[in-house]
Protein backbone atom coordinates (compact mmCIF):
# COMPACT_ATOMS: atom_id res chain seq x y z
CA GLN A 1 48.92 68.69 -5.98
CA VAL A 2 46.61 65.73 -5.73
CA GLN A 3 47.34 63.41 -2.85
CA LEU A 4 45.80 59.97 -2.58
CA ALA A 5 45.54 57.65 0.41
CA GLU A 6 44.27 54.09 0.30
CA SER A 7 42.82 51.92 3.04
CA GLY A 8 40.85 48.74 3.48
CA GLY A 9 43.38 46.08 2.63
CA GLY A 10 43.88 43.00 4.77
CA SER A 11 44.11 39.24 4.87
CA VAL A 12 41.17 37.08 3.86
CA GLN A 13 40.52 33.53 2.79
CA ALA A 14 39.69 32.66 -0.77
CA GLY A 15 36.06 33.48 -1.52
CA GLY A 16 36.04 36.39 0.91
CA SER A 17 35.48 40.09 0.30
CA LEU A 18 37.22 43.37 0.96
CA ARG A 19 36.39 46.98 0.15
CA LEU A 20 39.24 49.31 -0.62
CA SER A 21 38.90 53.07 -0.24
CA CYS A 22 40.92 55.88 -1.73
CA VAL A 23 40.52 59.46 -0.56
CA ALA A 24 41.80 62.42 -2.55
CA SER A 25 43.03 65.58 -0.96
CA GLU A 26 41.21 67.78 -3.42
CA SER A 27 38.23 67.45 -5.68
CA THR A 28 39.45 65.70 -8.82
CA PHE A 29 36.68 63.32 -9.71
CA ALA A 30 34.89 65.59 -12.19
CA SER A 31 37.85 66.00 -14.48
CA ARG A 32 40.03 62.98 -13.96
CA CYS A 33 40.10 59.30 -14.63
CA MET A 34 40.72 57.47 -11.38
CA GLY A 35 41.26 53.85 -10.73
CA TRP A 36 43.19 51.02 -9.21
CA PHE A 37 46.39 49.23 -10.09
CA ARG A 38 48.02 46.33 -8.34
CA GLN A 39 51.51 44.97 -8.19
CA VAL A 40 53.29 41.93 -6.84
CA PRO A 41 57.04 42.19 -6.24
CA GLY A 42 58.91 40.92 -9.27
CA LYS A 43 55.91 41.17 -11.57
CA GLU A 44 54.56 43.83 -13.89
CA ARG A 45 52.10 46.36 -12.54
CA GLU A 46 48.61 45.65 -13.80
CA ALA A 47 45.52 47.80 -14.05
CA VAL A 48 42.50 46.56 -12.17
CA ALA A 49 39.70 49.02 -12.92
CA ASN A 50 39.08 52.67 -13.64
CA PHE A 51 36.29 55.20 -13.36
CA GLU A 52 36.08 57.92 -15.98
CA TRP A 53 34.66 61.42 -15.43
CA ASP A 54 31.46 60.57 -17.33
CA GLY A 55 30.77 57.52 -15.19
CA THR A 56 32.23 54.94 -17.56
CA THR A 57 33.88 52.05 -15.75
CA ARG A 58 36.38 49.55 -17.06
CA TYR A 59 37.66 46.31 -15.59
CA ALA A 60 40.58 44.10 -16.35
CA ASP A 61 39.52 40.62 -17.45
CA PRO A 62 40.81 38.82 -14.32
CA VAL A 63 38.46 40.82 -12.07
CA LYS A 64 35.37 41.22 -14.25
CA GLY A 65 32.26 40.05 -12.47
CA ARG A 66 34.01 40.01 -9.09
CA PHE A 67 35.14 43.60 -8.49
CA THR A 68 33.11 46.81 -8.60
CA ILE A 69 34.58 50.29 -8.75
CA SER A 70 32.55 53.24 -7.50
CA ARG A 71 33.02 56.75 -6.23
CA ASP A 72 31.47 59.27 -3.87
CA LYS A 73 32.05 62.78 -5.17
CA SER A 74 30.81 64.39 -1.96
CA LYS A 75 33.56 62.62 -0.03
CA ASN A 76 36.26 62.68 -2.72
CA LYS A 77 36.45 58.92 -2.38
CA LEU A 78 36.97 56.06 -4.79
CA TYR A 79 36.10 52.51 -3.80
CA LEU A 80 36.90 49.02 -5.00
CA GLN A 81 34.55 46.31 -3.79
CA MET A 82 36.30 42.98 -4.18
CA ASN A 83 34.23 39.81 -3.94
CA SER A 84 35.05 36.15 -4.52
CA LEU A 85 38.70 36.88 -3.86
CA LYS A 86 41.31 34.45 -5.14
CA PRO A 87 44.91 33.87 -4.06
CA GLU A 88 46.04 35.43 -7.33
CA ASP A 89 44.47 38.72 -6.20
CA THR A 90 47.19 39.00 -3.57
CA ALA A 91 49.02 42.26 -4.30
CA MET A 92 49.63 45.82 -3.25
CA HIS A 93 46.65 47.75 -4.55
CA CYS A 94 47.21 51.41 -5.39
CA CYS A 95 44.87 54.21 -6.32
CA ALA A 96 45.84 56.59 -9.13
CA ALA A 97 44.52 59.66 -10.90
CA ALA A 98 45.20 60.91 -14.39
CA ALA A 99 44.06 63.65 -16.73
CA PHE A 100 43.44 61.03 -19.42
CA THR A 101 41.67 57.69 -19.67
CA TRP A 102 44.06 54.81 -19.32
CA SER A 103 43.73 51.32 -20.67
CA VAL A 104 43.05 48.43 -18.31
CA VAL A 105 44.80 46.16 -20.82
CA GLU A 106 48.09 48.03 -21.07
CA PRO A 107 48.54 50.35 -18.06
CA PRO A 108 50.35 53.61 -18.76
CA PRO A 109 53.75 54.43 -17.32
CA ALA A 110 53.51 55.65 -13.74
CA SER A 111 55.29 58.85 -14.81
CA THR A 112 52.26 59.85 -16.89
CA LEU A 113 49.86 59.71 -13.93
CA ASP A 114 49.01 62.83 -11.93
CA ALA A 115 48.92 61.06 -8.58
CA TRP A 116 49.72 57.67 -7.11
CA GLY A 117 49.00 56.46 -3.59
CA GLN A 118 51.21 54.36 -1.33
CA GLY A 119 48.91 51.39 -1.64
CA THR A 120 47.11 48.95 0.62
CA LEU A 121 48.06 45.29 0.79
CA VAL A 122 45.55 42.57 -0.03
CA THR A 123 46.46 39.02 0.91
CA VAL A 124 44.23 36.11 -0.04
CA SER A 125 44.98 32.63 1.29
CA ASP A 126 43.68 29.26 0.14
């Protein structure tokens, strides 16, 4: 069973940067699509970015040009570099893995994902 653990969240001012990390308990990066979702209480979960097995990356429109997703296969780690943060980026950010490529426009149901981390909180103030 794939286990995921996120870290790197925190509180920053608008315009600041954070780098989130997600470590997997087993090697999944060669055959899975991994990525990041975020959620604010009372709002719909939204996809942020994903990294496909062949190296293809996808970003949701609100984060394009500001966020960069990357991975380190040797460390079983997925990263999300977040620059030029805005207050609207405030959310719990969660790492997920799936055996299929998911859309960053319409995220799939959580029940279809192979693994889902507990999340790391990002808070951006004005």
